[in-house]
Amino acid sequence: MAEHILTTPLKDEDIKKLKAGDKVSLSGEVYTARDAAHKRLVDLIEEGKELPIPLEGQVIYYVGPAPTPPGKAIGSAGPTTSYRMDPYAPVLLDHGLKGMIGKGGRSQPVVDSMKKNVAVYFAATGGAAALISRAITAAVIVAYEDLGAEAIRKLTVKDFPLIVAQDCHGGNAFEEGQKKYAR
């Protein structure tokens, strides 16, 4: 397992070096979005309208953070199960998205789109939401405030600990991990 230090926006040459199971420390800007925000983004793309966030080289974190405590940048910010974004992810990947952060596996259309678009899916540790929030140094709502916790936020992250769950070569840490223990 290799360890990588990455800064957003991500570039193809950085993503191509990643293999399923690698550890990553991510810094820079990351956007949050869940299924309702994804639907709105895809609708705008299909209508040929401008998006409220840039996609080129960006990473979206599937999270609906808890309310922000006084003196903190954000509340607990644990990953959301990713399959709910699968109907929308290929469209966003086709428009420049390079990384996604969540938990759980992805559908074959998302995997195929990741290969085609040189993108990566990271897993954040579920159940460690309060710990993860320590890597987030700033959070600003940038779109869809009406969605509350599911509004799109621009996060500034420093040394966000991640695992490459699925790489752009078709590697899948979930499947490879299970094979180690199969009889």
C-alpha atoms as a PDB file:
ATOM      1  CA  MET A   1       0.000   0.000   0.000  1.00  0.00           C
ATOM      2  CA  ALA A   2       1.478   3.299  -1.105  1.00  0.00           C
ATOM      3  CA  GLU A   3       0.885   6.616   0.617  1.00  0.00           C
ATOM      4  CA  HIS A   4       0.153   9.763  -1.395  1.00  0.00           C
ATOM      5  CA  ILE A   5      -0.123  13.447  -0.556  1.00  0.00           C
ATOM      6  CA  LEU A   6      -2.543  15.170  -2.947  1.00  0.00           C
ATOM      7  CA  THR A   7      -3.784  18.730  -3.350  1.00  0.00           C
ATOM      8  CA  THR A   8      -6.907  19.740  -5.245  1.00  0.00           C
ATOM      9  CA  PRO A   9      -7.633  20.299  -8.051  1.00  0.00           C
ATOM     10  CA  LEU A  10      -6.602  16.783  -9.056  1.00  0.00           C
ATOM     11  CA  LYS A  11      -4.727  16.092 -12.278  1.00  0.00           C
ATOM     12  CA  ASP A  12      -4.826  12.970 -14.447  1.00  0.00           C
ATOM     13  CA  GLU A  13      -1.158  12.185 -13.750  1.00  0.00           C
ATOM     14  CA  ASP A  14      -1.847  12.177  -9.983  1.00  0.00           C
ATOM     15  CA  ILE A  15      -4.894   9.944 -10.330  1.00  0.00           C
ATOM     16  CA  LYS A  16      -3.130   7.444 -12.606  1.00  0.00           C
ATOM     17  CA  LYS A  17      -0.562   6.772  -9.839  1.00  0.00           C
ATOM     18  CA  LEU A  18      -3.259   5.722  -7.361  1.00  0.00           C
ATOM     19  CA  LYS A  19      -4.127   2.081  -6.759  1.00  0.00           C
ATOM     20  CA  ALA A  20      -7.026   0.627  -4.793  1.00  0.00           C
ATOM     21  CA  GLY A  21      -6.032   0.379  -1.137  1.00  0.00           C
ATOM     22  CA  ASP A  22      -3.530   3.264  -1.221  1.00  0.00           C
ATOM     23  CA  LYS A  23      -3.627   5.787   1.607  1.00  0.00           C
ATOM     24  CA  VAL A  24      -4.117   9.437   0.667  1.00  0.00           C
ATOM     25  CA  SER A  25      -3.757  12.680   2.581  1.00  0.00           C
ATOM     26  CA  LEU A  26      -5.840  15.272   0.714  1.00  0.00           C
ATOM     27  CA  SER A  27      -5.566  19.041   1.098  1.00  0.00           C
ATOM     28  CA  GLY A  28      -7.182  21.948  -0.750  1.00  0.00           C
ATOM     29  CA  GLU A  29     -10.769  22.717  -1.654  1.00  0.00           C
ATOM     30  CA  VAL A  30     -13.446  20.019  -1.770  1.00  0.00           C
ATOM     31  CA  TYR A  31     -17.158  20.487  -2.469  1.00  0.00           C
ATOM     32  CA  THR A  32     -19.951  18.719  -0.622  1.00  0.00           C
ATOM     33  CA  ALA A  33     -23.051  17.377  -2.338  1.00  0.00           C
ATOM     34  CA  ARG A  34     -25.583  14.613  -1.822  1.00  0.00           C
ATOM     35  CA  ASP A  35     -28.332  13.240  -4.062  1.00  0.00           C
ATOM     36  CA  ALA A  36     -30.669  16.284  -4.150  1.00  0.00           C
ATOM     37  CA  ALA A  37     -27.788  18.610  -5.058  1.00  0.00           C
ATOM     38  CA  HIS A  38     -26.498  16.091  -7.625  1.00  0.00           C
ATOM     39  CA  LYS A  39     -29.891  16.052  -9.315  1.00  0.00           C
ATOM     40  CA  ARG A  40     -29.883  19.837  -9.541  1.00  0.00           C
ATOM     41  CA  LEU A  41     -26.363  19.897 -10.980  1.00  0.00           C
ATOM     42  CA  VAL A  42     -27.216  17.290 -13.621  1.00  0.00           C
ATOM     43  CA  ASP A  43     -30.436  19.149 -14.499  1.00  0.00           C
ATOM     44  CA  LEU A  44     -28.398  22.324 -15.086  1.00  0.00           C
ATOM     45  CA  ILE A  45     -25.944  20.431 -17.303  1.00  0.00           C
ATOM     46  CA  GLU A  46     -28.795  18.920 -19.328  1.00  0.00           C
ATOM     47  CA  GLU A  47     -30.329  22.403 -19.708  1.00  0.00           C
ATOM     48  CA  GLY A  48     -26.980  23.806 -20.856  1.00  0.00           C
ATOM     49  CA  LYS A  49     -26.832  26.215 -17.908  1.00  0.00           C
ATOM     50  CA  GLU A  50     -23.873  27.323 -15.804  1.00  0.00           C
ATOM     51  CA  LEU A  51     -23.097  25.324 -12.669  1.00  0.00           C
ATOM     52  CA  PRO A  52     -22.754  27.009  -9.262  1.00  0.00           C
ATOM     53  CA  ILE A  53     -19.430  25.210  -8.696  1.00  0.00           C
ATOM     54  CA  PRO A  54     -16.499  24.332 -10.944  1.00  0.00           C
ATOM     55  CA  LEU A  55     -16.142  20.631 -11.786  1.00  0.00           C
ATOM     56  CA  GLU A  56     -12.813  20.530 -13.622  1.00  0.00           C
ATOM     57  CA  GLY A  57     -10.326  18.650 -11.438  1.00  0.00           C
ATOM     58  CA  GLN A  58     -12.581  18.891  -8.389  1.00  0.00           C
ATOM     59  CA  VAL A  59     -13.560  16.448  -5.666  1.00  0.00           C
ATOM     60  CA  ILE A  60     -17.070  16.061  -4.238  1.00  0.00           C
ATOM     61  CA  TYR A  61     -17.503  14.740  -0.703  1.00  0.00           C
ATOM     62  CA  TYR A  62     -20.805  12.975  -0.095  1.00  0.00           C
ATOM     63  CA  VAL A  63     -21.672  14.430   3.306  1.00  0.00           C
ATOM     64  CA  GLY A  64     -24.474  16.236   5.115  1.00  0.00           C
ATOM     65  CA  PRO A  65     -22.611  17.719   8.064  1.00  0.00           C
ATOM     66  CA  ALA A  66     -24.112  18.162  11.506  1.00  0.00           C
ATOM     67  CA  PRO A  67     -24.710  21.708  12.800  1.00  0.00           C
ATOM     68  CA  THR A  68     -21.532  23.679  13.393  1.00  0.00           C
ATOM     69  CA  PRO A  69     -20.544  24.031  17.052  1.00  0.00           C
ATOM     70  CA  PRO A  70     -19.259  27.438  18.210  1.00  0.00           C
ATOM     71  CA  GLY A  71     -15.625  27.987  17.314  1.00  0.00           C
ATOM     72  CA  LYS A  72     -15.514  25.135  14.765  1.00  0.00           C
ATOM     73  CA  ALA A  73     -15.423  25.244  10.948  1.00  0.00           C
ATOM     74  CA  ILE A  74     -18.038  22.491  10.666  1.00  0.00           C
ATOM     75  CA  GLY A  75     -19.931  19.928  12.715  1.00  0.00           C
ATOM     76  CA  SER A  76     -19.394  16.183  12.504  1.00  0.00           C
ATOM     77  CA  ALA A  77     -18.856  15.366   8.842  1.00  0.00           C
ATOM     78  CA  GLY A  78     -18.989  11.634   8.174  1.00  0.00           C
ATOM     79  CA  PRO A  79     -19.375  10.135   4.687  1.00  0.00           C
ATOM     80  CA  THR A  80     -22.744   9.261   3.181  1.00  0.00           C
ATOM     81  CA  THR A  81     -23.378   5.987   1.352  1.00  0.00           C
ATOM     82  CA  SER A  82     -22.326   6.689  -2.220  1.00  0.00           C
ATOM     83  CA  TYR A  83     -24.639   4.538  -4.327  1.00  0.00           C
ATOM     84  CA  ARG A  84     -27.372   7.189  -4.026  1.00  0.00           C
ATOM     85  CA  MET A  85     -25.231   9.462  -6.239  1.00  0.00           C
ATOM     86  CA  ASP A  86     -24.586   6.752  -8.849  1.00  0.00           C
ATOM     87  CA  PRO A  87     -27.352   7.876 -11.256  1.00  0.00           C
ATOM     88  CA  TYR A  88     -25.680  11.319 -11.466  1.00  0.00           C
ATOM     89  CA  ALA A  89     -21.955  10.621 -11.087  1.00  0.00           C
ATOM     90  CA  PRO A  90     -21.183   9.654 -14.718  1.00  0.00           C
ATOM     91  CA  VAL A  91     -22.584  12.964 -16.013  1.00  0.00           C
ATOM     92  CA  LEU A  92     -20.492  14.942 -13.520  1.00  0.00           C
ATOM     93  CA  LEU A  93     -17.408  12.861 -14.351  1.00  0.00           C
ATOM     94  CA  ASP A  94     -17.969  13.565 -18.056  1.00  0.00           C
ATOM     95  CA  HIS A  95     -17.897  17.278 -17.178  1.00  0.00           C
ATOM     96  CA  GLY A  96     -14.567  17.249 -15.344  1.00  0.00           C
ATOM     97  CA  LEU A  97     -15.168  15.874 -11.838  1.00  0.00           C
ATOM     98  CA  LYS A  98     -12.025  13.936 -10.820  1.00  0.00           C
ATOM     99  CA  GLY A  99     -12.750  12.589  -7.363  1.00  0.00           C
ATOM    100  CA  MET A 100     -15.558  11.465  -5.094  1.00  0.00           C
ATOM    101  CA  ILE A 101     -15.449  10.733  -1.361  1.00  0.00           C
ATOM    102  CA  GLY A 102     -17.997   8.539   0.397  1.00  0.00           C
ATOM    103  CA  LYS A 103     -18.529   5.062   1.763  1.00  0.00           C
ATOM    104  CA  GLY A 104     -19.606   1.810   0.152  1.00  0.00           C
ATOM    105  CA  GLY A 105     -19.138   0.478  -3.366  1.00  0.00           C
ATOM    106  CA  ARG A 106     -20.102   2.039  -6.689  1.00  0.00           C
ATOM    107  CA  SER A 107     -22.150   0.753  -9.615  1.00  0.00           C
ATOM    108  CA  GLN A 108     -20.586  -0.510 -12.840  1.00  0.00           C
ATOM    109  CA  PRO A 109     -21.632   2.612 -14.831  1.00  0.00           C
ATOM    110  CA  VAL A 110     -19.734   4.780 -12.309  1.00  0.00           C
ATOM    111  CA  VAL A 111     -16.679   2.495 -12.478  1.00  0.00           C
ATOM    112  CA  ASP A 112     -16.760   2.587 -16.293  1.00  0.00           C
ATOM    113  CA  SER A 113     -17.028   6.391 -16.222  1.00  0.00           C
ATOM    114  CA  MET A 114     -14.109   6.611 -13.767  1.00  0.00           C
ATOM    115  CA  LYS A 115     -11.937   4.602 -16.169  1.00  0.00           C
ATOM    116  CA  LYS A 116     -13.028   6.688 -19.158  1.00  0.00           C
ATOM    117  CA  ASN A 117     -12.531  10.030 -17.385  1.00  0.00           C
ATOM    118  CA  VAL A 118      -9.468   9.150 -15.240  1.00  0.00           C
ATOM    119  CA  ALA A 119     -11.203   9.670 -11.912  1.00  0.00           C
ATOM    120  CA  VAL A 120     -10.961   8.168  -8.444  1.00  0.00           C
ATOM    121  CA  TYR A 121     -13.336   7.193  -5.649  1.00  0.00           C
ATOM    122  CA  PHE A 122     -12.032   7.614  -2.110  1.00  0.00           C
ATOM    123  CA  ALA A 123     -13.443   6.050   1.030  1.00  0.00           C
ATOM    124  CA  ALA A 124     -13.572   8.097   4.200  1.00  0.00           C
ATOM    125  CA  THR A 125     -13.835   6.238   7.455  1.00  0.00           C
ATOM    126  CA  GLY A 126     -17.469   5.884   8.465  1.00  0.00           C
ATOM    127  CA  GLY A 127     -18.208   6.310  12.165  1.00  0.00           C
ATOM    128  CA  ALA A 128     -15.400   8.838  12.570  1.00  0.00           C
ATOM    129  CA  ALA A 129     -17.390  11.958  11.682  1.00  0.00           C
ATOM    130  CA  ALA A 130     -16.112  14.069  14.577  1.00  0.00           C
ATOM    131  CA  LEU A 131     -12.531  13.054  13.803  1.00  0.00           C
ATOM    132  CA  ILE A 132     -12.927  13.793  10.093  1.00  0.00           C
ATOM    133  CA  SER A 133     -14.248  17.278  10.860  1.00  0.00           C
ATOM    134  CA  ARG A 134     -10.831  18.131  12.346  1.00  0.00           C
ATOM    135  CA  ALA A 135      -9.335  17.970   8.815  1.00  0.00           C
ATOM    136  CA  ILE A 136     -11.847  20.609   7.621  1.00  0.00           C
ATOM    137  CA  THR A 137     -10.519  24.095   8.309  1.00  0.00           C
ATOM    138  CA  ALA A 138     -13.264  26.114   6.583  1.00  0.00           C
ATOM    139  CA  ALA A 139     -16.790  25.541   5.258  1.00  0.00           C
ATOM    140  CA  VAL A 140     -18.923  27.966   3.237  1.00  0.00           C
ATOM    141  CA  ILE A 141     -22.325  27.293   1.651  1.00  0.00           C
ATOM    142  CA  VAL A 142     -21.978  28.057  -2.069  1.00  0.00           C
ATOM    143  CA  ALA A 143     -25.249  26.719  -3.522  1.00  0.00           C
ATOM    144  CA  TYR A 144     -28.688  25.345  -2.688  1.00  0.00           C
ATOM    145  CA  GLU A 145     -28.936  26.738   0.846  1.00  0.00           C
ATOM    146  CA  ASP A 146     -32.568  25.579   0.861  1.00  0.00           C
ATOM    147  CA  LEU A 147     -31.308  21.984   1.146  1.00  0.00           C
ATOM    148  CA  GLY A 148     -30.039  22.659   4.689  1.00  0.00           C
ATOM    149  CA  ALA A 149     -27.424  20.086   5.682  1.00  0.00           C
ATOM    150  CA  GLU A 150     -27.379  18.914   2.059  1.00  0.00           C
ATOM    151  CA  ALA A 151     -26.513  22.349   0.617  1.00  0.00           C
ATOM    152  CA  ILE A 152     -23.346  22.455  -1.471  1.00  0.00           C
ATOM    153  CA  ARG A 153     -20.447  23.696   0.629  1.00  0.00           C
ATOM    154  CA  LYS A 154     -16.902  24.548  -0.328  1.00  0.00           C
ATOM    155  CA  LEU A 155     -14.662  22.958   2.274  1.00  0.00           C
ATOM    156  CA  THR A 156     -11.022  23.713   2.841  1.00  0.00           C
ATOM    157  CA  VAL A 157      -9.341  20.515   3.992  1.00  0.00           C
ATOM    158  CA  LYS A 158      -5.873  19.823   5.331  1.00  0.00           C
ATOM    159  CA  ASP A 159      -4.510  16.296   5.536  1.00  0.00           C
ATOM    160  CA  PHE A 160      -7.933  14.671   5.089  1.00  0.00           C
ATOM    161  CA  PRO A 161      -7.206  10.917   5.561  1.00  0.00           C
ATOM    162  CA  LEU A 162      -8.642   8.762   2.774  1.00  0.00           C
ATOM    163  CA  ILE A 163      -8.272   5.339   1.188  1.00  0.00           C
ATOM    164  CA  VAL A 164      -8.439   4.798  -2.568  1.00  0.00           C
ATOM    165  CA  ALA A 165     -11.546   2.616  -2.723  1.00  0.00           C
ATOM    166  CA  GLN A 166     -11.757   2.339  -6.516  1.00  0.00           C
ATOM    167  CA  ASP A 167      -9.069   3.540  -8.909  1.00  0.00           C
ATOM    168  CA  CYS A 168      -9.163   4.593 -12.563  1.00  0.00           C
ATOM    169  CA  HIS A 169      -7.657   1.241 -13.598  1.00  0.00           C
ATOM    170  CA  GLY A 170     -10.590  -0.801 -12.295  1.00  0.00           C
ATOM    171  CA  GLY A 171      -9.005  -1.735  -8.968  1.00  0.00           C
ATOM    172  CA  ASN A 172     -11.519  -2.129  -6.145  1.00  0.00           C
ATOM    173  CA  ALA A 173     -10.350  -2.222  -2.516  1.00  0.00           C
ATOM    174  CA  PHE A 174     -13.699  -3.634  -1.397  1.00  0.00           C
ATOM    175  CA  GLU A 175     -13.438  -6.673  -3.691  1.00  0.00           C
ATOM    176  CA  GLU A 176      -9.702  -7.163  -3.171  1.00  0.00           C
ATOM    177  CA  GLY A 177     -10.134  -7.024   0.609  1.00  0.00           C
ATOM    178  CA  GLN A 178     -12.845  -9.678   0.533  1.00  0.00           C
ATOM    179  CA  LYS A 179     -10.699 -11.987  -1.635  1.00  0.00           C
ATOM    180  CA  LYS A 180      -7.989 -12.028   1.050  1.00  0.00           C
ATOM    181  CA  TYR A 181     -10.384 -13.666   3.498  1.00  0.00           C
ATOM    182  CA  ALA A 182     -12.490 -15.829   1.175  1.00  0.00           C
ATOM    183  CA  ARG A 183     -12.123 -19.564   1.585  1.00  0.00           C
END
